[in-house]
N, C-alpha and C. Protein backbone atom coordinates (compact mmCIF):
# COMPACT_ATOMS: atom_id res chain seq x y z
N MET A 1 -11.02 72.48 8.00
CA MET A 1 -10.04 71.73 7.85
C MET A 1 -8.82 72.60 7.05
N PRO A 2 -7.89 71.82 7.22
CA PRO A 2 -6.30 72.50 7.85
C PRO A 2 -6.22 73.50 5.57
N ALA A 3 -5.50 74.83 5.61
CA ALA A 3 -5.56 75.17 4.41
C ALA A 3 -4.66 74.49 3.61
N ASN A 4 -3.71 73.87 4.76
CA ASN A 4 -3.56 72.94 3.92
C ASN A 4 -3.19 71.39 3.32
N PRO A 5 -4.98 71.29 3.10
CA PRO A 5 -4.31 68.78 4.41
C PRO A 5 -3.69 68.35 3.35
N SER A 6 -3.18 67.41 4.09
CA SER A 6 -2.13 66.18 3.77
C SER A 6 -3.04 65.80 3.16
N PRO A 7 -2.36 64.76 1.97
CA PRO A 7 -2.16 64.00 0.89
C PRO A 7 -3.85 62.93 1.48
N ALA A 8 -3.29 62.87 3.04
CA ALA A 8 -4.12 61.15 3.87
C ALA A 8 -5.41 61.55 4.25
N HIS A 9 -5.02 63.60 4.67
CA HIS A 9 -5.98 64.46 5.63
C HIS A 9 -7.55 64.30 3.83
N SER A 10 -6.83 64.44 2.77
CA SER A 10 -7.58 65.10 2.05
C SER A 10 -8.61 63.65 1.38
N ARG A 11 -8.22 62.86 1.68
CA ARG A 11 -8.13 60.68 1.46
C ARG A 11 -9.86 60.76 2.30
N PHE A 12 -9.31 61.39 3.82
CA PHE A 12 -10.08 60.83 4.67
C PHE A 12 -11.09 61.68 4.88
N PRO A 13 -12.73 61.94 4.54
CA PRO A 13 -13.29 62.19 5.12
C PRO A 13 -14.14 62.26 5.45
N VAL A 14 -14.47 62.34 7.35
CA VAL A 14 -14.91 61.57 8.84
C VAL A 14 -15.63 62.50 9.40
N ASP A 15 -16.88 61.75 9.51
CA ASP A 15 -17.61 62.64 10.20
C ASP A 15 -17.69 62.53 11.11
N SER A 16 -17.11 62.85 12.43
CA SER A 16 -16.91 62.75 13.26
C SER A 16 -17.00 61.78 14.33
N VAL A 17 -18.91 62.62 14.52
CA VAL A 17 -19.70 63.17 14.92
C VAL A 17 -19.58 60.38 15.01
N ALA A 18 -20.25 60.23 13.39
CA ALA A 18 -20.30 59.44 12.97
C ALA A 18 -19.12 58.25 13.55
N LEU A 19 -18.07 58.56 13.94
CA LEU A 19 -16.97 58.12 14.08
C LEU A 19 -16.63 56.95 15.48
N ALA A 20 -17.32 58.60 16.23
CA ALA A 20 -17.16 58.64 17.90
C ALA A 20 -18.42 57.38 17.92
N GLN A 21 -19.71 58.05 17.56
CA GLN A 21 -20.93 57.05 17.37
C GLN A 21 -19.83 55.67 17.73
N ALA A 22 -19.56 54.64 17.04
CA ALA A 22 -18.90 53.56 15.75
C ALA A 22 -17.87 53.33 17.14
N LEU A 23 -16.96 53.97 17.66
CA LEU A 23 -16.63 52.92 18.52
C LEU A 23 -17.22 53.21 19.63
N VAL A 24 -17.14 53.87 20.11
CA VAL A 24 -18.02 53.15 21.52
C VAL A 24 -19.07 52.20 21.88
N ARG A 25 -19.56 51.61 20.25
CA ARG A 25 -20.68 50.47 20.26
C ARG A 25 -19.91 49.89 21.13
N PHE A 26 -18.14 49.82 20.43
CA PHE A 26 -17.84 48.15 20.28
C PHE A 26 -17.75 48.19 22.76
N ASP A 27 -17.76 47.20 22.91
CA ASP A 27 -17.83 46.33 23.85
C ASP A 27 -16.30 45.74 24.72
N THR A 28 -15.24 47.62 24.70
CA THR A 28 -14.43 47.20 25.35
C THR A 28 -13.81 47.32 26.59
N SER A 29 -15.05 47.35 27.56
CA SER A 29 -14.58 47.49 29.09
C SER A 29 -13.59 45.96 29.60
N ASN A 30 -13.18 47.64 30.81
CA ASN A 30 -12.38 46.14 31.19
C ASN A 30 -12.88 45.81 32.72
N PRO A 31 -12.28 44.48 33.23
CA PRO A 31 -12.12 43.17 31.94
C PRO A 31 -12.67 42.75 31.28
N PRO A 32 -12.54 42.24 30.68
CA PRO A 32 -10.98 41.70 30.28
C PRO A 32 -10.67 43.12 29.12
N GLY A 33 -11.29 43.86 28.42
CA GLY A 33 -10.47 44.81 27.50
C GLY A 33 -10.85 44.76 26.13
N ASN A 34 -10.74 43.13 25.12
CA ASN A 34 -10.87 43.10 24.47
C ASN A 34 -11.56 43.95 22.77
N GLU A 35 -10.36 44.85 22.65
CA GLU A 35 -9.87 46.19 21.75
C GLU A 35 -10.05 45.25 20.06
N GLY A 36 -9.49 43.41 20.15
CA GLY A 36 -9.43 43.59 19.35
C GLY A 36 -10.98 43.87 18.10
N ALA A 37 -11.88 43.98 18.20
CA ALA A 37 -12.53 43.85 17.32
C ALA A 37 -12.64 46.09 16.63
N CYS A 38 -12.81 46.78 17.52
CA CYS A 38 -12.46 48.66 17.62
C CYS A 38 -10.86 48.37 16.81
N ILE A 39 -9.39 48.00 17.66
CA ILE A 39 -8.45 48.18 16.45
C ILE A 39 -9.13 47.25 14.87
N GLN A 40 -8.68 46.69 14.29
CA GLN A 40 -9.50 45.62 12.92
C GLN A 40 -10.28 47.39 12.63
N HIS A 41 -11.80 47.95 13.86
CA HIS A 41 -12.00 49.43 12.63
C HIS A 41 -11.37 50.20 12.08
N VAL A 42 -10.48 49.98 12.86
CA VAL A 42 -9.71 51.52 12.69
C VAL A 42 -9.41 51.07 11.91
N LYS A 43 -8.31 50.02 12.00
CA LYS A 43 -6.79 49.95 10.90
C LYS A 43 -8.28 49.83 9.26
N SER A 44 -9.13 48.70 9.23
CA SER A 44 -9.75 48.90 8.38
C SER A 44 -10.19 50.37 8.12
N LEU A 45 -11.26 51.10 8.53
CA LEU A 45 -11.29 52.90 8.42
C LEU A 45 -9.40 53.69 7.92
N LEU A 46 -8.61 52.93 8.05
CA LEU A 46 -7.34 53.62 8.16
C LEU A 46 -7.17 53.02 5.92
N ASP A 47 -6.76 51.12 6.37
CA ASP A 47 -6.49 50.40 5.01
C ASP A 47 -7.64 50.89 3.93
N ASP A 48 -8.72 51.51 4.17
CA ASP A 48 -9.49 52.34 2.93
C ASP A 48 -9.04 53.47 2.34
N VAL A 49 -7.94 53.83 3.09
CA VAL A 49 -7.77 55.59 2.79
C VAL A 49 -6.01 55.36 2.40
N ASP A 50 -5.36 53.72 2.65
CA ASP A 50 -3.97 54.17 2.37
C ASP A 50 -2.98 54.30 3.30
N ILE A 51 -3.48 54.67 3.96
CA ILE A 51 -3.18 55.50 5.80
C ILE A 51 -2.53 53.50 5.43
N PRO A 52 -1.44 53.51 6.60
CA PRO A 52 -0.22 52.33 6.87
C PRO A 52 -0.55 52.31 7.91
N SER A 53 -0.65 50.65 8.51
CA SER A 53 -0.43 50.46 9.97
C SER A 53 -0.14 49.24 9.72
N GLN A 54 0.23 48.95 12.03
CA GLN A 54 0.35 48.18 11.68
C GLN A 54 -0.59 47.79 13.59
N VAL A 55 -0.45 46.25 13.47
CA VAL A 55 -1.26 45.65 14.69
C VAL A 55 -0.06 44.50 15.78
N PHE A 56 0.89 44.87 16.86
CA PHE A 56 1.05 44.60 17.71
C PHE A 56 0.26 44.76 19.05
N ALA A 57 0.84 43.17 19.48
CA ALA A 57 -0.39 42.65 20.84
C ALA A 57 0.46 41.62 21.48
N LYS A 58 0.04 42.09 22.94
CA LYS A 58 1.21 41.37 24.13
C LYS A 58 -0.04 39.90 24.05
N SER A 59 -0.83 40.32 23.77
CA SER A 59 -2.18 40.07 24.22
C SER A 59 -3.07 39.68 23.12
N LEU A 60 -3.68 38.43 22.33
CA LEU A 60 -4.04 38.74 21.57
C LEU A 60 -5.37 39.63 21.88
N ASN A 61 -6.29 39.57 22.47
CA ASN A 61 -7.76 40.80 23.30
C ASN A 61 -7.55 42.29 24.16
N ARG A 62 -5.40 42.88 23.50
CA ARG A 62 -4.90 43.38 24.08
C ARG A 62 -4.37 44.51 22.91
N PRO A 63 -4.95 44.44 21.51
CA PRO A 63 -4.21 44.71 20.42
C PRO A 63 -3.37 46.60 20.78
N ASN A 64 -2.27 47.39 20.11
CA ASN A 64 -2.22 47.76 19.25
C ASN A 64 -2.16 48.92 18.35
N LEU A 65 -2.79 49.79 18.20
CA LEU A 65 -3.02 50.06 16.85
C LEU A 65 -2.03 51.48 16.50
N VAL A 66 -0.69 51.06 15.39
CA VAL A 66 0.52 52.52 15.76
C VAL A 66 -0.06 52.82 13.97
N ALA A 67 0.05 54.12 13.11
CA ALA A 67 -0.09 54.48 12.27
C ALA A 67 0.73 55.22 11.95
N ARG A 68 1.20 55.03 10.54
CA ARG A 68 3.10 56.32 10.67
C ARG A 68 1.99 57.26 8.90
N LEU A 69 1.79 58.47 9.02
CA LEU A 69 1.87 59.27 7.77
C LEU A 69 2.53 60.54 8.13
N THR A 70 3.04 60.81 6.94
CA THR A 70 4.20 61.47 6.20
C THR A 70 3.81 63.33 6.71
N GLY A 71 4.39 63.55 7.18
CA GLY A 71 4.07 65.13 7.27
C GLY A 71 5.18 65.63 7.58
N ALA A 72 4.98 67.42 8.53
CA ALA A 72 5.46 68.34 8.27
C ALA A 72 6.41 68.23 9.96
N GLY A 73 6.16 67.62 10.48
CA GLY A 73 6.70 66.92 11.58
C GLY A 73 6.75 65.26 12.85
N PRO A 74 7.38 65.17 13.70
CA PRO A 74 6.23 64.39 14.79
C PRO A 74 5.70 64.66 15.42
N LEU A 75 4.68 63.91 15.39
CA LEU A 75 3.16 63.61 16.29
C LEU A 75 2.93 61.52 16.88
N LEU A 76 1.94 62.21 18.24
CA LEU A 76 1.55 60.65 18.75
C LEU A 76 0.65 61.53 19.63
N LEU A 77 -0.13 59.97 18.72
CA LEU A 77 -1.40 60.36 19.70
C LEU A 77 -2.08 59.08 20.09
N CYS A 78 -2.43 59.35 21.08
CA CYS A 78 -2.58 58.31 22.43
C CYS A 78 -3.49 58.26 22.69
N CYS A 79 -4.64 56.90 22.50
CA CYS A 79 -5.46 56.72 23.31
C CYS A 79 -5.70 55.51 24.10
N SER A 80 -6.90 55.26 24.97
CA SER A 80 -7.49 54.59 25.79
C SER A 80 -8.85 53.35 24.94
N LYS A 81 -8.58 52.39 24.64
CA LYS A 81 -9.87 51.90 23.77
C LYS A 81 -10.79 51.53 25.00
N GLY A 82 -10.48 51.15 26.38
CA GLY A 82 -11.30 50.69 26.90
C GLY A 82 -11.75 51.32 27.94
N ILE A 83 -13.03 51.57 28.03
CA ILE A 83 -14.12 52.45 27.96
C ILE A 83 -15.10 52.50 30.47
């Protein structure tokens, strides 16, 4: 844990192994993708600790999640949900 954790970080104690296990259990294989359930799961985790987030989707089955934290500087984390 960082020496000076952000307020959001201190509210979000996560077992990274359990989180990874939960995420790989979602069938997001391509095609067709169907990442919606996975995105909603991550959004609910963020909602639980009051981290604002929004879901954007060109197609209902292929949503993207954007979350914003205040902090020292900009950071972009991008990942693929499909396996």
